[in-house]
Amino acid sequence: MKKIVVVSCTNRPNSNTLKVSKIYEKIVRSMRAEVKILDFCVLPENIAFAETFGKRTDKYALLIDEFVSPVSKFIFVVPEYNGSFPGILKTFLDSMHPREWADKDACLIGVADGRAGNLRGLEHLTGILHYLKMHVYHDKLPISIVNKVMDTEGNFSEAQMKACVNQVDGFLKF
């Protein structure tokens, strides 16, 4: 069985990114794959200083052992922050040796209140993931105007849900 981690790429509490991540978790589970969500709200507050450059707490090492090292497929749900992606995502990637990411697969979803669905941020992230020798799935899905395609209970419109299901189906075959 394939093991997949859905990465909710913001540490903002109660975010739309986490809501979208939960939708993706349900989709992956419905396709009979093992799935977990890594919510960046659980990352250490001092990650930029305590977990980089050879320093590592036992708690963070356990997080890496659970959500990164044994996993070969990642679904990154990436909100738009100032025309790109959140700094916490770059810090997370930088907190590990590049070999943790090499030859693993990535699927990218952009989330934005605006019209572009974080396309620019997805392109920025693609370059970094390629540098880390990850294989980025070609079907990147920008979710624009997220508040209009998702209801108050965190469910997508039928058309948006179909696009997400098709993306996950292709990614599982990737």
Protein backbone atom coordinates (compact mmCIF):
# COMPACT_ATOMS: atom_id res chain seq x y z
CA MET A 1 0.00 0.00 0.00
CA LYS A 2 1.28 3.46 -0.89
CA LYS A 3 2.03 5.76 2.02
CA ILE A 4 1.19 9.40 1.39
CA VAL A 5 1.56 12.50 3.54
CA VAL A 6 -0.62 15.52 2.89
CA VAL A 7 1.37 18.55 4.02
CA SER A 8 -0.72 21.49 5.22
CA CYS A 9 1.91 24.15 4.47
CA THR A 10 0.98 26.91 6.91
CA ASN A 11 1.19 27.31 10.65
CA ARG A 12 -1.85 29.60 10.65
CA PRO A 13 -4.49 28.11 12.98
CA ASN A 14 -7.88 27.14 11.49
CA SER A 15 -6.70 27.84 7.96
CA ASN A 16 -8.39 27.08 4.66
CA THR A 17 -5.20 25.20 3.83
CA LEU A 18 -5.91 22.68 6.57
CA LYS A 19 -9.51 22.36 5.38
CA VAL A 20 -8.28 21.62 1.85
CA SER A 21 -5.71 19.17 3.28
CA LYS A 22 -8.51 17.29 5.04
CA ILE A 23 -10.44 17.04 1.77
CA TYR A 24 -7.35 15.58 0.10
CA GLU A 25 -6.89 13.16 2.99
CA LYS A 26 -10.44 11.86 2.42
CA ILE A 27 -9.88 11.55 -1.33
CA VAL A 28 -6.63 9.60 -0.88
CA ARG A 29 -8.21 7.34 1.76
CA SER A 30 -11.16 6.64 -0.58
CA MET A 31 -8.62 5.38 -3.13
CA ARG A 32 -7.31 2.87 -0.61
CA ALA A 33 -3.95 4.46 0.09
CA GLU A 34 -2.47 5.02 3.53
CA VAL A 35 -2.53 8.73 4.31
CA LYS A 36 -1.64 11.15 7.11
CA ILE A 37 -1.76 14.91 7.40
CA LEU A 38 1.27 16.86 8.56
CA ASP A 39 -0.22 20.09 9.90
CA PHE A 40 2.50 22.72 10.22
CA CYS A 41 0.78 23.96 13.39
CA VAL A 42 2.56 21.05 15.14
CA LEU A 43 6.03 22.22 14.11
CA PRO A 44 8.24 23.61 16.88
CA GLU A 45 7.85 27.36 17.29
CA ASN A 46 11.63 27.82 17.17
CA ILE A 47 12.17 25.55 14.13
CA ALA A 48 14.37 28.12 12.36
CA PHE A 49 16.91 28.10 15.16
CA ALA A 50 16.51 24.85 17.10
CA GLU A 51 16.13 22.31 14.29
CA THR A 52 18.65 23.42 11.66
CA PHE A 53 22.39 23.26 11.08
CA GLY A 54 23.02 19.97 12.86
CA LYS A 55 20.81 20.68 15.85
CA ARG A 56 17.82 18.43 16.31
CA THR A 57 15.47 17.82 19.21
CA ASP A 58 14.21 14.31 19.83
CA LYS A 59 10.63 15.47 19.28
CA TYR A 60 11.43 16.88 15.84
CA ALA A 61 13.46 13.79 14.93
CA LEU A 62 10.38 11.67 15.68
CA LEU A 63 8.27 13.94 13.48
CA ILE A 64 10.71 13.46 10.58
CA ASP A 65 10.80 9.70 11.21
CA GLU A 66 6.99 9.57 10.99
CA PHE A 67 6.15 12.08 8.25
CA VAL A 68 9.21 12.32 5.98
CA SER A 69 11.82 9.55 6.04
CA PRO A 70 9.59 6.51 5.31
CA VAL A 71 7.30 8.32 2.87
CA SER A 72 7.72 8.34 -0.91
CA LYS A 73 4.75 10.53 -1.93
CA PHE A 74 3.77 13.97 -0.66
CA ILE A 75 0.80 16.17 -1.43
CA PHE A 76 1.73 19.77 -0.63
CA VAL A 77 -1.26 22.07 -0.04
CA VAL A 78 0.31 25.49 -0.41
CA PRO A 79 -1.39 28.79 0.45
CA GLU A 80 -0.41 32.02 -1.24
CA TYR A 81 1.67 34.26 1.01
CA ASN A 82 2.85 37.54 -0.50
CA GLY A 83 2.93 36.20 -4.05
CA SER A 84 4.67 32.92 -3.18
CA PHE A 85 4.51 30.24 -0.50
CA PRO A 86 4.86 30.49 3.30
CA GLY A 87 8.33 30.89 4.77
CA ILE A 88 7.56 28.08 7.22
CA LEU A 89 7.53 25.66 4.27
CA LYS A 90 11.00 26.76 3.14
CA THR A 91 12.25 26.52 6.73
CA PHE A 92 10.78 23.02 7.02
CA LEU A 93 12.50 21.89 3.82
CA ASP A 94 15.77 23.52 4.90
CA SER A 95 15.69 21.87 8.33
CA MET A 96 16.54 18.50 6.77
CA HIS A 97 19.36 17.17 4.65
CA PRO A 98 18.42 17.17 0.94
CA ARG A 99 18.76 13.37 0.84
CA GLU A 100 15.50 13.16 2.84
CA TRP A 101 13.66 14.42 -0.26
CA ALA A 102 15.63 12.85 -3.14
CA ASP A 103 13.70 10.59 -5.53
CA LYS A 104 10.37 11.17 -3.79
CA ASP A 105 7.18 12.31 -5.53
CA ALA A 106 5.36 15.59 -4.95
CA CYS A 107 1.87 16.74 -5.92
CA LEU A 108 1.15 20.46 -5.60
CA ILE A 109 -2.08 22.27 -4.79
CA GLY A 110 -2.22 26.05 -4.54
CA VAL A 111 -4.77 27.77 -2.31
CA ALA A 112 -5.69 31.43 -2.58
CA ASP A 113 -8.54 33.82 -1.90
CA GLY A 114 -7.63 35.54 -5.17
CA ARG A 115 -7.88 34.51 -8.80
CA ALA A 116 -4.55 32.81 -9.53
CA GLY A 117 -4.65 29.97 -7.00
CA ASN A 118 -1.03 30.60 -6.00
CA LEU A 119 0.37 29.65 -9.41
CA ARG A 120 3.48 31.76 -8.78
CA GLY A 121 4.09 30.10 -5.42
CA LEU A 122 3.69 26.64 -6.97
CA GLU A 123 6.31 27.53 -9.60
CA HIS A 124 8.70 28.82 -6.93
CA LEU A 125 8.21 25.62 -4.94
CA THR A 126 8.65 23.44 -8.04
CA GLY A 127 12.12 24.87 -8.59
CA ILE A 128 13.13 24.12 -5.00
CA LEU A 129 11.70 20.58 -5.09
CA HIS A 130 13.56 19.89 -8.35
CA TYR A 131 16.75 21.11 -6.69
CA LEU A 132 16.06 18.60 -3.90
CA LYS A 133 15.74 15.92 -6.64
CA MET A 134 12.04 15.36 -6.09
CA HIS A 135 9.74 14.31 -8.92
CA VAL A 136 6.96 16.90 -9.23
CA TYR A 137 3.70 15.63 -10.71
CA HIS A 138 2.75 17.69 -13.77
CA ASP A 139 -0.90 18.28 -12.80
CA LYS A 140 -0.57 21.17 -10.36
CA LEU A 141 -3.97 22.36 -9.19
CA PRO A 142 -4.43 26.05 -8.35
CA ILE A 143 -7.54 26.51 -6.23
CA SER A 144 -8.64 30.09 -6.80
CA ILE A 145 -11.19 32.00 -4.76
CA VAL A 146 -11.19 29.17 -2.22
CA ASN A 147 -13.95 30.78 -0.17
CA LYS A 148 -16.32 30.46 -3.15
CA VAL A 149 -15.55 26.85 -4.05
CA MET A 150 -15.63 25.61 -0.45
CA ASP A 151 -18.68 25.86 1.81
CA THR A 152 -18.64 26.77 5.50
CA GLU A 153 -18.40 23.10 6.49
CA GLY A 154 -15.22 22.62 4.45
CA ASN A 155 -16.69 20.83 1.42
CA PHE A 156 -15.87 21.63 -2.19
CA SER A 157 -18.29 22.34 -4.99
CA GLU A 158 -18.92 19.37 -7.28
CA ALA A 159 -16.70 20.74 -10.05
CA GLN A 160 -13.80 21.50 -7.67
CA MET A 161 -14.10 18.08 -6.05
CA LYS A 162 -13.97 16.38 -9.46
CA ALA A 163 -10.77 18.27 -10.33
CA CYS A 164 -9.18 17.20 -7.01
CA VAL A 165 -10.20 13.55 -7.41
CA ASN A 166 -8.78 13.47 -10.95
CA GLN A 167 -5.52 15.00 -9.72
CA VAL A 168 -5.13 12.46 -6.91
CA ASP A 169 -6.01 9.55 -9.20
CA GLY A 170 -3.27 10.61 -11.61
CA PHE A 171 -0.77 11.22 -8.81
CA LEU A 172 -1.29 7.75 -7.35
CA LYS A 173 -0.40 6.32 -10.78
CA PHE A 174 2.63 8.65 -11.11
